[in-house]
PDB file of N, CA and C in Angstrom:
ATOM      1  N   MET A   1     137.532   4.605 361.732  1.00  0.00           N
ATOM      2  CA  MET A   1     137.519   4.160 360.350  1.00  0.00           C
ATOM      3  C   MET A   1     137.238   5.350 359.450  1.00  0.00           C
ATOM      4  N   LYS A   2     138.061   5.487 358.394  1.00  0.00           N
ATOM      5  CA  LYS A   2     137.931   6.605 357.482  1.00  0.00           C
ATOM      6  C   LYS A   2     136.783   6.391 356.503  1.00  0.00           C
ATOM      7  N   ARG A   3     136.027   7.414 356.297  1.00  0.00           N
ATOM      8  CA  ARG A   3     134.910   7.381 355.365  1.00  0.00           C
ATOM      9  C   ARG A   3     135.440   7.763 353.986  1.00  0.00           C
ATOM     10  N   ASN A   4     134.980   7.073 352.940  1.00  0.00           N
ATOM     11  CA  ASN A   4     135.391   7.431 351.590  1.00  0.00           C
ATOM     12  C   ASN A   4     134.764   8.758 351.205  1.00  0.00           C
ATOM     13  N   VAL A   5     135.598   9.675 350.785  1.00  0.00           N
ATOM     14  CA  VAL A   5     135.162  11.010 350.427  1.00  0.00           C
ATOM     15  C   VAL A   5     135.489  11.228 348.955  1.00  0.00           C
ATOM     16  N   SER A   6     134.569  11.820 348.210  1.00  0.00           N
ATOM     17  CA  SER A   6     134.841  12.091 346.802  1.00  0.00           C
ATOM     18  C   SER A   6     135.938  13.147 346.688  1.00  0.00           C
ATOM     19  N   ILE A   7     136.579  13.175 345.538  1.00  0.00           N
ATOM     20  CA  ILE A   7     137.648  14.150 345.302  1.00  0.00           C
ATOM     21  C   ILE A   7     137.101  15.563 345.417  1.00  0.00           C
ATOM     22  N   GLU A   8     135.916  15.785 344.890  1.00  0.00           N
ATOM     23  CA  GLU A   8     135.297  17.111 344.946  1.00  0.00           C
ATOM     24  C   GLU A   8     135.023  17.530 346.384  1.00  0.00           C
ATOM     25  N   GLU A   9     134.517  16.597 347.169  1.00  0.00           N
ATOM     26  CA  GLU A   9     134.227  16.883 348.576  1.00  0.00           C
ATOM     27  C   GLU A   9     135.519  17.155 349.348  1.00  0.00           C
ATOM     28  N   ARG A  10     136.550  16.380 349.041  1.00  0.00           N
ATOM     29  CA  ARG A  10     137.848  16.594 349.686  1.00  0.00           C
ATOM     30  C   ARG A  10     138.390  17.981 349.344  1.00  0.00           C
ATOM     31  N   ALA A  11     138.260  18.390 348.103  1.00  0.00           N
ATOM     32  CA  ALA A  11     138.752  19.701 347.682  1.00  0.00           C
ATOM     33  C   ALA A  11     138.043  20.816 348.452  1.00  0.00           C
ATOM     34  N   VAL A  12     136.735  20.696 348.592  1.00  0.00           N
ATOM     35  CA  VAL A  12     135.962  21.700 349.333  1.00  0.00           C
ATOM     36  C   VAL A  12     136.353  21.676 350.810  1.00  0.00           C
ATOM     37  N   ASN A  13     136.502  20.485 351.380  1.00  0.00           N
ATOM     38  CA  ASN A  13     136.887  20.368 352.793  1.00  0.00           C
ATOM     39  C   ASN A  13     138.275  20.954 353.050  1.00  0.00           C
ATOM     40  N   LEU A  14     139.208  20.674 352.153  1.00  0.00           N
ATOM     41  CA  LEU A  14     140.560  21.229 352.286  1.00  0.00           C
ATOM     42  C   LEU A  14     140.520  22.755 352.232  1.00  0.00           C
ATOM     43  N   ALA A  15     139.790  23.279 351.269  1.00  0.00           N
ATOM     44  CA  ALA A  15     139.697  24.740 351.118  1.00  0.00           C
ATOM     45  C   ALA A  15     139.085  25.367 352.359  1.00  0.00           C
ATOM     46  N   GLN A  16     138.008  24.785 352.845  1.00  0.00           N
ATOM     47  CA  GLN A  16     137.344  25.332 354.029  1.00  0.00           C
ATOM     48  C   GLN A  16     138.269  25.297 355.238  1.00  0.00           C
ATOM     49  N   TYR A  17     139.020  24.207 355.376  1.00  0.00           N
ATOM     50  CA  TYR A  17     139.968  24.081 356.484  1.00  0.00           C
ATOM     51  C   TYR A  17     141.044  25.164 356.393  1.00  0.00           C
ATOM     52  N   ILE A  18     141.614  25.350 355.207  1.00  0.00           N
ATOM     53  CA  ILE A  18     142.673  26.346 355.025  1.00  0.00           C
ATOM     54  C   ILE A  18     142.139  27.749 355.303  1.00  0.00           C
ATOM     55  N   ILE A  19     140.941  28.036 354.842  1.00  0.00           N
ATOM     56  CA  ILE A  19     140.338  29.355 355.072  1.00  0.00           C
ATOM     57  C   ILE A  19     140.078  29.579 356.559  1.00  0.00           C
ATOM     58  N   ASP A  20     139.494  28.591 357.216  1.00  0.00           N
ATOM     59  CA  ASP A  20     139.142  28.730 358.635  1.00  0.00           C
ATOM     60  C   ASP A  20     140.372  28.802 359.537  1.00  0.00           C
ATOM     61  N   SER A  21     141.375  27.974 359.247  1.00  0.00           N
ATOM     62  CA  SER A  21     142.538  27.878 360.136  1.00  0.00           C
ATOM     63  C   SER A  21     143.711  28.742 359.685  1.00  0.00           C
ATOM     64  N   LYS A  22     143.676  29.194 358.436  1.00  0.00           N
ATOM     65  CA  LYS A  22     144.801  29.922 357.823  1.00  0.00           C
ATOM     66  C   LYS A  22     146.079  29.065 357.852  1.00  0.00           C
ATOM     67  N   ASP A  23     145.883  27.754 357.839  1.00  0.00           N
ATOM     68  CA  ASP A  23     147.007  26.819 357.862  1.00  0.00           C
ATOM     69  C   ASP A  23     147.690  26.791 356.494  1.00  0.00           C
ATOM     70  N   THR A  24     148.893  26.257 356.474  1.00  0.00           N
ATOM     71  CA  THR A  24     149.661  26.144 355.242  1.00  0.00           C
ATOM     72  C   THR A  24     149.240  24.893 354.478  1.00  0.00           C
ATOM     73  N   VAL A  25     149.715  24.782 353.239  1.00  0.00           N
ATOM     74  CA  VAL A  25     149.456  23.593 352.432  1.00  0.00           C
ATOM     75  C   VAL A  25     150.032  22.373 353.148  1.00  0.00           C
ATOM     76  N   ARG A  26     151.228  22.525 353.697  1.00  0.00           N
ATOM     77  CA  ARG A  26     151.865  21.418 354.413  1.00  0.00           C
ATOM     78  C   ARG A  26     151.031  20.987 355.613  1.00  0.00           C
ATOM     79  N   GLY A  27     150.526  21.960 356.363  1.00  0.00           N
ATOM     80  CA  GLY A  27     149.693  21.653 357.524  1.00  0.00           C
ATOM     81  C   GLY A  27     148.397  20.977 357.136  1.00  0.00           C
ATOM     82  N   ALA A  28     147.778  21.458 356.066  1.00  0.00           N
ATOM     83  CA  ALA A  28     146.524  20.854 355.592  1.00  0.00           C
ATOM     84  C   ALA A  28     146.774  19.433 355.099  1.00  0.00           C
ATOM     85  N   ALA A  29     147.875  19.228 354.404  1.00  0.00           N
ATOM     86  CA  ALA A  29     148.208  17.895 353.898  1.00  0.00           C
ATOM     87  C   ALA A  29     148.369  16.910 355.054  1.00  0.00           C
ATOM     88  N   LYS A  30     149.057  17.349 356.092  1.00  0.00           N
ATOM     89  CA  LYS A  30     149.263  16.492 357.265  1.00  0.00           C
ATOM     90  C   LYS A  30     147.928  16.187 357.953  1.00  0.00           C
ATOM     91  N   LYS A  31     147.097  17.202 358.115  1.00  0.00           N
ATOM     92  CA  LYS A  31     145.812  17.046 358.793  1.00  0.00           C
ATOM     93  C   LYS A  31     144.892  16.077 358.040  1.00  0.00           C
ATOM     94  N   PHE A  32     144.896  16.153 356.697  1.00  0.00           N
ATOM     95  CA  PHE A  32     143.993  15.335 355.892  1.00  0.00           C
ATOM     96  C   PHE A  32     144.626  14.028 355.416  1.00  0.00           C
ATOM     97  N   GLY A  33     145.909  13.840 355.701  1.00  0.00           N
ATOM     98  CA  GLY A  33     146.569  12.592 355.324  1.00  0.00           C
ATOM     99  C   GLY A  33     146.776  12.442 353.826  1.00  0.00           C
ATOM    100  N   VAL A  34     147.025  13.561 353.139  1.00  0.00           N
ATOM    101  CA  VAL A  34     147.309  13.534 351.703  1.00  0.00           C
ATOM    102  C   VAL A  34     148.618  14.279 351.457  1.00  0.00           C
ATOM    103  N   SER A  35     149.106  14.222 350.224  1.00  0.00           N
ATOM    104  CA  SER A  35     150.363  14.902 349.900  1.00  0.00           C
ATOM    105  C   SER A  35     150.131  16.392 349.665  1.00  0.00           C
ATOM    106  N   LYS A  36     151.229  17.155 349.721  1.00  0.00           N
ATOM    107  CA  LYS A  36     151.141  18.588 349.436  1.00  0.00           C
ATOM    108  C   LYS A  36     150.687  18.805 347.996  1.00  0.00           C
ATOM    109  N   SER A  37     151.134  17.946 347.086  1.00  0.00           N
ATOM    110  CA  SER A  37     150.731  18.050 345.680  1.00  0.00           C
ATOM    111  C   SER A  37     149.226  17.880 345.530  1.00  0.00           C
ATOM    112  N   THR A  38     148.658  16.952 346.283  1.00  0.00           N
ATOM    113  CA  THR A  38     147.218  16.723 346.232  1.00  0.00           C
ATOM    114  C   THR A  38     146.470  17.950 346.724  1.00  0.00           C
ATOM    115  N   VAL A  39     146.947  18.544 347.814  1.00  0.00           N
ATOM    116  CA  VAL A  39     146.300  19.752 348.339  1.00  0.00           C
ATOM    117  C   VAL A  39     146.341  20.847 347.284  1.00  0.00           C
ATOM    118  N   HIS A  40     147.505  21.070 346.680  1.00  0.00           N
ATOM    119  CA  HIS A  40     147.639  22.102 345.649  1.00  0.00           C
ATOM    120  C   HIS A  40     146.680  21.858 344.495  1.00  0.00           C
ATOM    121  N   LYS A  41     146.665  20.638 343.997  1.00  0.00           N
ATOM    122  CA  LYS A  41     145.809  20.310 342.851  1.00  0.00           C
ATOM    123  C   LYS A  41     144.339  20.490 343.219  1.00  0.00           C
ATOM    124  N   ASP A  42     143.965  20.027 344.402  1.00  0.00           N
ATOM    125  CA  ASP A  42     142.568  20.140 344.835  1.00  0.00           C
ATOM    126  C   ASP A  42     142.122  21.596 344.939  1.00  0.00           C
ATOM    127  N   VAL A  43     142.909  22.419 345.617  1.00  0.00           N
ATOM    128  CA  VAL A  43     142.450  23.788 345.881  1.00  0.00           C
ATOM    129  C   VAL A  43     142.770  24.756 344.749  1.00  0.00           C
ATOM    130  N   SER A  44     143.695  24.398 343.865  1.00  0.00           N
ATOM    131  CA  SER A  44     144.046  25.308 342.780  1.00  0.00           C
ATOM    132  C   SER A  44     143.334  24.979 341.475  1.00  0.00           C
ATOM    133  N   GLU A  45     143.235  23.705 341.138  1.00  0.00           N
ATOM    134  CA  GLU A  45     142.645  23.316 339.861  1.00  0.00           C
ATOM    135  C   GLU A  45     141.215  22.805 340.011  1.00  0.00           C
ATOM    136  N   ARG A  46     141.048  21.779 340.814  1.00  0.00           N
ATOM    137  CA  ARG A  46     139.724  21.152 340.918  1.00  0.00           C
ATOM    138  C   ARG A  46     138.685  22.105 341.495  1.00  0.00           C
ATOM    139  N   LEU A  47     139.077  22.855 342.504  1.00  0.00           N
ATOM    140  CA  LEU A  47     138.128  23.741 343.185  1.00  0.00           C
ATOM    141  C   LEU A  47     137.628  24.849 342.263  1.00  0.00           C
ATOM    142  N   LEU A  48     138.448  25.285 341.313  1.00  0.00           N
ATOM    143  CA  LEU A  48     138.020  26.315 340.355  1.00  0.00           C
ATOM    144  C   LEU A  48     136.785  25.874 339.582  1.00  0.00           C
ATOM    145  N   LYS A  49     136.726  24.584 339.254  1.00  0.00           N
ATOM    146  CA  LYS A  49     135.582  24.046 338.506  1.00  0.00           C
ATOM    147  C   LYS A  49     134.381  23.800 339.409  1.00  0.00           C
ATOM    148  N   ILE A  50     134.635  23.492 340.668  1.00  0.00           N
ATOM    149  CA  ILE A  50     133.574  23.142 341.611  1.00  0.00           C
ATOM    150  C   ILE A  50     132.950  24.391 342.224  1.00  0.00           C
ATOM    151  N   ASN A  51     133.812  25.273 342.748  1.00  0.00           N
ATOM    152  CA  ASN A  51     133.334  26.453 343.467  1.00  0.00           C
ATOM    153  C   ASN A  51     134.354  27.586 343.300  1.00  0.00           C
ATOM    154  N   PRO A  52     134.235  28.375 342.219  1.00  0.00           N
ATOM    155  CA  PRO A  52     135.225  29.424 341.941  1.00  0.00           C
ATOM    156  C   PRO A  52     135.360  30.464 343.056  1.00  0.00           C
ATOM    157  N   ILE A  53     134.291  30.760 343.743  1.00  0.00           N
ATOM    158  CA  ILE A  53     134.342  31.756 344.826  1.00  0.00           C
ATOM    159  C   ILE A  53     135.204  31.228 345.971  1.00  0.00           C
ATOM    160  N   LEU A  54     134.984  29.985 346.361  1.00  0.00           N
ATOM    161  CA  LEU A  54     135.781  29.363 347.413  1.00  0.00           C
ATOM    162  C   LEU A  54     137.244  29.254 346.970  1.00  0.00           C
ATOM    163  N   ALA A  55     137.464  28.946 345.689  1.00  0.00           N
ATOM    164  CA  ALA A  55     138.822  28.846 345.156  1.00  0.00           C
ATOM    165  C   ALA A  55     139.541  30.187 345.282  1.00  0.00           C
ATOM    166  N   HIS A  56     138.837  31.268 345.027  1.00  0.00           N
ATOM    167  CA  HIS A  56     139.431  32.602 345.143  1.00  0.00           C
ATOM    168  C   HIS A  56     139.796  32.908 346.606  1.00  0.00           C
ATOM    169  N   GLU A  57     138.912  32.542 347.524  1.00  0.00           N
ATOM    170  CA  GLU A  57     139.171  32.786 348.951  1.00  0.00           C
ATOM    171  C   GLU A  57     140.406  32.025 349.427  1.00  0.00           C
ATOM    172  N   VAL A  58     140.495  30.759 349.050  1.00  0.00           N
ATOM    173  CA  VAL A  58     141.633  29.948 349.499  1.00  0.00           C
ATOM    174  C   VAL A  58     142.916  30.432 348.826  1.00  0.00           C
ATOM    175  N   ARG A  59     142.828  30.912 347.586  1.00  0.00           N
ATOM    176  CA  ARG A  59     144.001  31.446 346.887  1.00  0.00           C
ATOM    177  C   ARG A  59     144.583  32.635 347.647  1.00  0.00           C
ATOM    178  N   GLN A  60     143.725  33.476 348.201  1.00  0.00           N
ATOM    179  CA  GLN A  60     144.202  34.623 348.980  1.00  0.00           C
ATOM    180  C   GLN A  60     145.005  34.165 350.192  1.00  0.00           C
ATOM    181  N   ILE A  61     144.524  33.141 350.888  1.00  0.00           N
ATOM    182  CA  ILE A  61     145.232  32.605 352.064  1.00  0.00           C
ATOM    183  C   ILE A  61     146.566  32.005 351.628  1.00  0.00           C
ATOM    184  N   LEU A  62     146.565  31.227 350.548  1.00  0.00           N
ATOM    185  CA  LEU A  62     147.798  30.587 350.084  1.00  0.00           C
ATOM    186  C   LEU A  62     148.821  31.634 349.647  1.00  0.00           C
ATOM    187  N   ASP A  63     148.368  32.688 348.996  1.00  0.00           N
ATOM    188  CA  ASP A  63     149.287  33.759 348.588  1.00  0.00           C
ATOM    189  C   ASP A  63     149.871  34.470 349.802  1.00  0.00           C
ATOM    190  N   GLU A  64     149.037  34.669 350.813  1.00  0.00           N
ATOM    191  CA  GLU A  64     149.504  35.292 352.057  1.00  0.00           C
ATOM    192  C   GLU A  64     150.555  34.412 352.730  1.00  0.00           C
ATOM    193  N   ASN A  65     150.274  33.104 352.802  1.00  0.00           N
ATOM    194  CA  ASN A  65     151.226  32.164 353.404  1.00  0.00           C
ATOM    195  C   ASN A  65     152.541  32.146 352.628  1.00  0.00           C
ATOM    196  N   LYS A  66     152.442  32.196 351.311  1.00  0.00           N
ATOM    197  CA  LYS A  66     153.639  32.178 350.479  1.00  0.00           C
ATOM    198  C   LYS A  66     154.479  33.430 350.726  1.00  0.00           C
ATOM    199  N   ALA A  67     153.819  34.563 350.865  1.00  0.00           N
ATOM    200  CA  ALA A  67     154.530  35.819 351.106  1.00  0.00           C
ATOM    201  C   ALA A  67     155.223  35.822 352.468  1.00  0.00           C
ATOM    202  N   GLU A  68     154.678  35.079 353.428  1.00  0.00           N
ATOM    203  CA  GLU A  68     155.225  35.065 354.788  1.00  0.00           C
ATOM    204  C   GLU A  68     156.200  33.922 355.039  1.00  0.00           C
ATOM    205  N   ARG A  69     156.329  32.992 354.104  1.00  0.00           N
ATOM    206  CA  ARG A  69     157.104  31.782 354.404  1.00  0.00           C
ATOM    207  C   ARG A  69     158.569  32.063 354.665  1.00  0.00           C
ATOM    208  N   HIS A  70     159.148  33.068 354.017  1.00  0.00           N
ATOM    209  CA  HIS A  70     160.562  33.362 354.270  1.00  0.00           C
ATOM    210  C   HIS A  70     160.765  33.854 355.705  1.00  0.00           C
ATOM    211  N   ILE A  71     159.747  34.507 356.262  1.00  0.00           N
ATOM    212  CA  ILE A  71     159.831  34.969 357.652  1.00  0.00           C
ATOM    213  C   ILE A  71     159.785  33.776 358.603  1.00  0.00           C
ATOM    214  N   ARG A  72     158.834  32.855 358.351  1.00  0.00           N
ATOM    215  CA  ARG A  72     158.726  31.660 359.192  1.00  0.00           C
ATOM    216  C   ARG A  72     159.998  30.829 359.115  1.00  0.00           C
ATOM    217  N   GLY A  73     160.558  30.696 357.914  1.00  0.00           N
ATOM    218  CA  GLY A  73     161.798  29.929 357.742  1.00  0.00           C
ATOM    219  C   GLY A  73     162.947  30.557 358.504  1.00  0.00           C
ATOM    220  N   GLY A  74     163.036  31.872 358.439  1.00  0.00           N
ATOM    221  CA  GLY A  74     164.096  32.577 359.165  1.00  0.00           C
ATOM    222  C   GLY A  74     163.963  32.421 360.663  1.00  0.00           C
ATOM    223  N   LEU A  75     162.731  32.492 361.152  1.00  0.00           N
ATOM    224  CA  LEU A  75     162.506  32.320 362.594  1.00  0.00           C
ATOM    225  C   LEU A  75     162.848  30.904 363.033  1.00  0.00           C
ATOM    226  N   ALA A  76     162.499  29.917 362.195  1.00  0.00           N
ATOM    227  CA  ALA A  76     162.813  28.522 362.535  1.00  0.00           C
ATOM    228  C   ALA A  76     164.322  28.313 362.597  1.00  0.00           C
ATOM    229  N   THR A  77     165.036  28.904 361.646  1.00  0.00           N
ATOM    230  CA  THR A  77     166.501  28.786 361.647  1.00  0.00           C
ATOM    231  C   THR A  77     167.092  29.467 362.869  1.00  0.00           C
ATOM    232  N   LYS A  78     166.574  30.637 363.200  1.00  0.00           N
ATOM    233  CA  LYS A  78     167.055  31.372 364.373  1.00  0.00           C
ATOM    234  C   LYS A  78     166.856  30.538 365.642  1.00  0.00           C
ATOM    235  N   MET A  79     165.671  29.934 365.781  1.00  0.00           N
ATOM    236  CA  MET A  79     165.386  29.097 366.955  1.00  0.00           C
ATOM    237  C   MET A  79     166.326  27.885 366.996  1.00  0.00           C
ATOM    238  N   LYS A  80     166.539  27.279 365.860  1.00  0.00           N
ATOM    239  CA  LYS A  80     167.392  26.097 365.790  1.00  0.00           C
ATOM    240  C   LYS A  80     168.794  26.416 366.307  1.00  0.00           C
ATOM    241  N   TYR A  81     169.361  27.515 365.836  1.00  0.00           N
ATOM    242  CA  TYR A  81     170.724  27.837 366.221  1.00  0.00           C
ATOM    243  C   TYR A  81     170.822  28.490 367.596  1.00  0.00           C
ATOM    244  N   SER A  82     169.756  29.104 368.069  1.00  0.00           N
ATOM    245  CA  SER A  82     169.810  29.667 369.423  1.00  0.00           C
ATOM    246  C   SER A  82     169.817  28.538 370.450  1.00  0.00           C
ATOM    247  N   HIS A  83     169.116  27.449 370.170  1.00  0.00           N
ATOM    248  CA  HIS A  83     169.159  26.286 371.074  1.00  0.00           C
ATOM    249  C   HIS A  83     170.504  25.597 370.978  1.00  0.00           C
ATOM    250  N   HIS A  84     171.075  25.601 369.794  1.00  0.00           N
ATOM    251  CA  HIS A  84     172.377  24.968 369.582  1.00  0.00           C
ATOM    252  C   HIS A  84     173.466  25.680 370.389  1.00  0.00           C
ATOM    253  N   GLU A  85     173.423  27.006 370.413  1.00  0.00           N
ATOM    254  CA  GLU A  85     174.423  27.782 371.139  1.00  0.00           C
ATOM    255  C   GLU A  85     174.317  27.558 372.655  1.00  0.00           C
ATOM    256  N   GLU A  86     173.081  27.367 373.154  1.00  0.00           N
ATOM    257  CA  GLU A  86     172.895  27.140 374.582  1.00  0.00           C
ATOM    258  C   GLU A  86     173.528  25.831 375.028  1.00  0.00           C
ATOM    259  N   ALA A  87     173.538  24.847 374.133  1.00  0.00           N
ATOM    260  CA  ALA A  87     174.080  23.537 374.470  1.00  0.00           C
ATOM    261  C   ALA A  87     175.607  23.534 374.513  1.00  0.00           C
ATOM    262  N   ILE A  88     176.220  24.494 373.841  1.00  0.00           N
ATOM    263  CA  ILE A  88     177.696  24.536 373.769  1.00  0.00           C
ATOM    264  C   ILE A  88     178.324  25.079 375.008  1.00  0.00           C
TER     265      ILE A  88
END
């Protein structure tokens, strides 16, 4: 059974999870059962008012993930088509 968590507590928990795991917004959203938009709003806007230091730390991880996403996307596409060629 899920415990009701305040929005502020959720924002801090999301930020801590992203910092500890270096997971993406999508991964954090899936783990916490919320939308990607909610994760963004929590860690970008709400967290600034709650804990600016934590907000800065999570921003660094999100910026790093954003800079690397084109690499991950390219690797995923490469894997997709390499399996496709094996089946032919």
